[in-house]
Amino acid sequence: MRQEVKALMPNKPPYNVDNIHLACHQILMERYPELKVRWSRIYGFRWSHIYGNIEPTSFNPVKIRLNRNYGIFIDNANILTPDELEKIIKELKECFPDEPFL
């Protein structure tokens, strides 16, 4: 996914984190069009919605911390196999290291 994200970026490093969210979201929606994902900025214990699905949310979303500042909620993770979910988590964490994306 990291190379796909770089291909979608409008400029050269260092990349704007908002553009990384948009590129990752686009890739996820191309791979899994029915997936409902909400991107969040993490402020301590509070996760603040910044992008993604705004429809009524699940009572039991999968909450994934990508790094110390960003995370996602997947409202319908049940459509994924456990292997697919693990692959998505691994790829997204590679795109959101605690150090700047290069």
C-alpha atoms as a PDB file:
ATOM      1  CA  MET A   1       0.000   0.000   0.000  1.00  0.00           C
ATOM      2  CA  ARG A   2       2.870   2.388   0.750  1.00  0.00           C
ATOM      3  CA  GLN A   3       3.911   2.546  -2.916  1.00  0.00           C
ATOM      4  CA  GLU A   4       0.292   3.052  -3.987  1.00  0.00           C
ATOM      5  CA  VAL A   5       0.001   5.945  -1.531  1.00  0.00           C
ATOM      6  CA  LYS A   6       3.189   7.551  -2.845  1.00  0.00           C
ATOM      7  CA  ALA A   7       1.851   7.291  -6.395  1.00  0.00           C
ATOM      8  CA  LEU A   8      -1.289   9.205  -5.366  1.00  0.00           C
ATOM      9  CA  MET A   9       0.579  11.992  -3.547  1.00  0.00           C
ATOM     10  CA  PRO A  10       0.454  15.383  -5.284  1.00  0.00           C
ATOM     11  CA  ASN A  11       3.978  16.478  -4.333  1.00  0.00           C
ATOM     12  CA  LYS A  12       7.317  15.256  -3.036  1.00  0.00           C
ATOM     13  CA  PRO A  13       8.275  14.422   0.583  1.00  0.00           C
ATOM     14  CA  PRO A  14       7.658  15.464   3.263  1.00  0.00           C
ATOM     15  CA  TYR A  15       3.993  14.656   2.673  1.00  0.00           C
ATOM     16  CA  ASN A  16       1.019  16.383   4.221  1.00  0.00           C
ATOM     17  CA  VAL A  17      -0.694  13.908   6.567  1.00  0.00           C
ATOM     18  CA  ASP A  18      -4.121  14.938   5.210  1.00  0.00           C
ATOM     19  CA  ASN A  19      -3.044  13.766   1.764  1.00  0.00           C
ATOM     20  CA  ILE A  20      -1.908  10.450   3.241  1.00  0.00           C
ATOM     21  CA  HIS A  21      -5.362   9.933   4.817  1.00  0.00           C
ATOM     22  CA  LEU A  22      -7.069  10.673   1.511  1.00  0.00           C
ATOM     23  CA  ALA A  23      -4.763   8.370  -0.462  1.00  0.00           C
ATOM     24  CA  CYS A  24      -5.133   5.498   2.027  1.00  0.00           C
ATOM     25  CA  HIS A  25      -8.896   5.968   2.125  1.00  0.00           C
ATOM     26  CA  GLN A  26      -9.068   5.912  -1.679  1.00  0.00           C
ATOM     27  CA  ILE A  27      -7.022   2.707  -1.842  1.00  0.00           C
ATOM     28  CA  LEU A  28      -9.160   1.016   0.818  1.00  0.00           C
ATOM     29  CA  MET A  29     -12.363   2.001  -0.978  1.00  0.00           C
ATOM     30  CA  GLU A  30     -11.035   0.627  -4.274  1.00  0.00           C
ATOM     31  CA  ARG A  31     -10.130  -2.674  -2.623  1.00  0.00           C
ATOM     32  CA  TYR A  32     -13.182  -2.931  -0.330  1.00  0.00           C
ATOM     33  CA  PRO A  33     -15.956  -0.600  -1.620  1.00  0.00           C
ATOM     34  CA  GLU A  34     -18.421  -1.657   1.077  1.00  0.00           C
ATOM     35  CA  LEU A  35     -16.010  -0.952   3.968  1.00  0.00           C
ATOM     36  CA  LYS A  36     -17.046   1.825   6.378  1.00  0.00           C
ATOM     37  CA  VAL A  37     -13.953   3.576   7.714  1.00  0.00           C
ATOM     38  CA  ARG A  38     -13.633   6.657   9.942  1.00  0.00           C
ATOM     39  CA  TRP A  39     -10.257   8.381  10.311  1.00  0.00           C
ATOM     40  CA  SER A  40      -9.457  10.003  13.654  1.00  0.00           C
ATOM     41  CA  ARG A  41      -6.904  12.318  15.217  1.00  0.00           C
ATOM     42  CA  ILE A  42      -5.942  11.127  18.693  1.00  0.00           C
ATOM     43  CA  TYR A  43      -5.764  13.639  21.546  1.00  0.00           C
ATOM     44  CA  GLY A  44      -4.927  11.609  24.637  1.00  0.00           C
ATOM     45  CA  PHE A  45      -8.014   9.484  25.333  1.00  0.00           C
ATOM     46  CA  ARG A  46     -10.205  11.362  22.848  1.00  0.00           C
ATOM     47  CA  TRP A  47     -10.426  10.266  19.213  1.00  0.00           C
ATOM     48  CA  SER A  48     -11.694  13.090  17.013  1.00  0.00           C
ATOM     49  CA  HIS A  49     -13.247  12.293  13.610  1.00  0.00           C
ATOM     50  CA  ILE A  50     -11.369  13.903  10.723  1.00  0.00           C
ATOM     51  CA  TYR A  51     -12.425  12.003   7.606  1.00  0.00           C
ATOM     52  CA  GLY A  52     -14.470   9.124   6.291  1.00  0.00           C
ATOM     53  CA  ASN A  53     -17.827   7.479   6.827  1.00  0.00           C
ATOM     54  CA  ILE A  54     -20.367   9.751   8.522  1.00  0.00           C
ATOM     55  CA  GLU A  55     -23.363   7.450   8.296  1.00  0.00           C
ATOM     56  CA  PRO A  56     -24.779   6.006  11.517  1.00  0.00           C
ATOM     57  CA  THR A  57     -21.964   4.066  13.084  1.00  0.00           C
ATOM     58  CA  SER A  58     -21.714   0.607  14.547  1.00  0.00           C
ATOM     59  CA  PHE A  59     -22.141  -0.044  18.249  1.00  0.00           C
ATOM     60  CA  ASN A  60     -19.042  -2.207  18.134  1.00  0.00           C
ATOM     61  CA  PRO A  61     -16.498  -0.788  15.652  1.00  0.00           C
ATOM     62  CA  VAL A  62     -12.963  -2.100  15.392  1.00  0.00           C
ATOM     63  CA  LYS A  63     -10.693   0.648  16.772  1.00  0.00           C
ATOM     64  CA  ILE A  64      -7.147   0.653  15.374  1.00  0.00           C
ATOM     65  CA  ARG A  65      -4.393   2.966  16.576  1.00  0.00           C
ATOM     66  CA  LEU A  66      -2.062   3.596  13.615  1.00  0.00           C
ATOM     67  CA  ASN A  67       0.479   5.675  15.535  1.00  0.00           C
ATOM     68  CA  ARG A  68       0.478   8.044  18.522  1.00  0.00           C
ATOM     69  CA  ASN A  69      -1.556  10.689  16.626  1.00  0.00           C
ATOM     70  CA  TYR A  70      -3.892   8.860  14.237  1.00  0.00           C
ATOM     71  CA  GLY A  71      -6.264   5.932  14.194  1.00  0.00           C
ATOM     72  CA  ILE A  72      -9.259   4.512  12.391  1.00  0.00           C
ATOM     73  CA  PHE A  73     -12.573   2.909  13.220  1.00  0.00           C
ATOM     74  CA  ILE A  74     -13.919   0.196  10.945  1.00  0.00           C
ATOM     75  CA  ASP A  75     -17.658  -0.032  11.492  1.00  0.00           C
ATOM     76  CA  ASN A  76     -18.224  -3.219   9.499  1.00  0.00           C
ATOM     77  CA  ALA A  77     -15.007  -5.174   9.931  1.00  0.00           C
ATOM     78  CA  ASN A  78     -17.095  -8.361   9.891  1.00  0.00           C
ATOM     79  CA  ILE A  79     -17.044  -8.228   6.070  1.00  0.00           C
ATOM     80  CA  LEU A  80     -13.290  -8.882   6.184  1.00  0.00           C
ATOM     81  CA  THR A  81     -11.562 -12.137   6.945  1.00  0.00           C
ATOM     82  CA  PRO A  82      -9.180 -12.007   9.924  1.00  0.00           C
ATOM     83  CA  ASP A  83      -6.247 -12.231   7.479  1.00  0.00           C
ATOM     84  CA  GLU A  84      -7.554  -9.292   5.417  1.00  0.00           C
ATOM     85  CA  LEU A  85      -8.015  -7.192   8.558  1.00  0.00           C
ATOM     86  CA  GLU A  86      -4.480  -7.966   9.753  1.00  0.00           C
ATOM     87  CA  LYS A  87      -3.101  -7.090   6.313  1.00  0.00           C
ATOM     88  CA  ILE A  88      -4.943  -3.747   6.302  1.00  0.00           C
ATOM     89  CA  ILE A  89      -3.701  -2.910   9.806  1.00  0.00           C
ATOM     90  CA  LYS A  90      -0.101  -3.766   8.904  1.00  0.00           C
ATOM     91  CA  GLU A  91      -0.194  -1.727   5.680  1.00  0.00           C
ATOM     92  CA  LEU A  92      -1.783   1.305   7.322  1.00  0.00           C
ATOM     93  CA  LYS A  93       0.705   1.280  10.188  1.00  0.00           C
ATOM     94  CA  GLU A  94       3.507   1.325   7.595  1.00  0.00           C
ATOM     95  CA  CYS A  95       1.939   4.470   6.088  1.00  0.00           C
ATOM     96  CA  PHE A  96       1.574   6.151   9.497  1.00  0.00           C
ATOM     97  CA  PRO A  97       4.840   5.635  11.368  1.00  0.00           C
ATOM     98  CA  ASP A  98       5.527   7.902  14.331  1.00  0.00           C
ATOM     99  CA  GLU A  99       8.250   9.490  12.232  1.00  0.00           C
ATOM    100  CA  PRO A 100       7.358  11.479   9.064  1.00  0.00           C
ATOM    101  CA  PHE A 101       6.247   9.476   6.036  1.00  0.00           C
ATOM    102  CA  LEU A 102       9.069   9.354   3.478  1.00  0.00           C
END
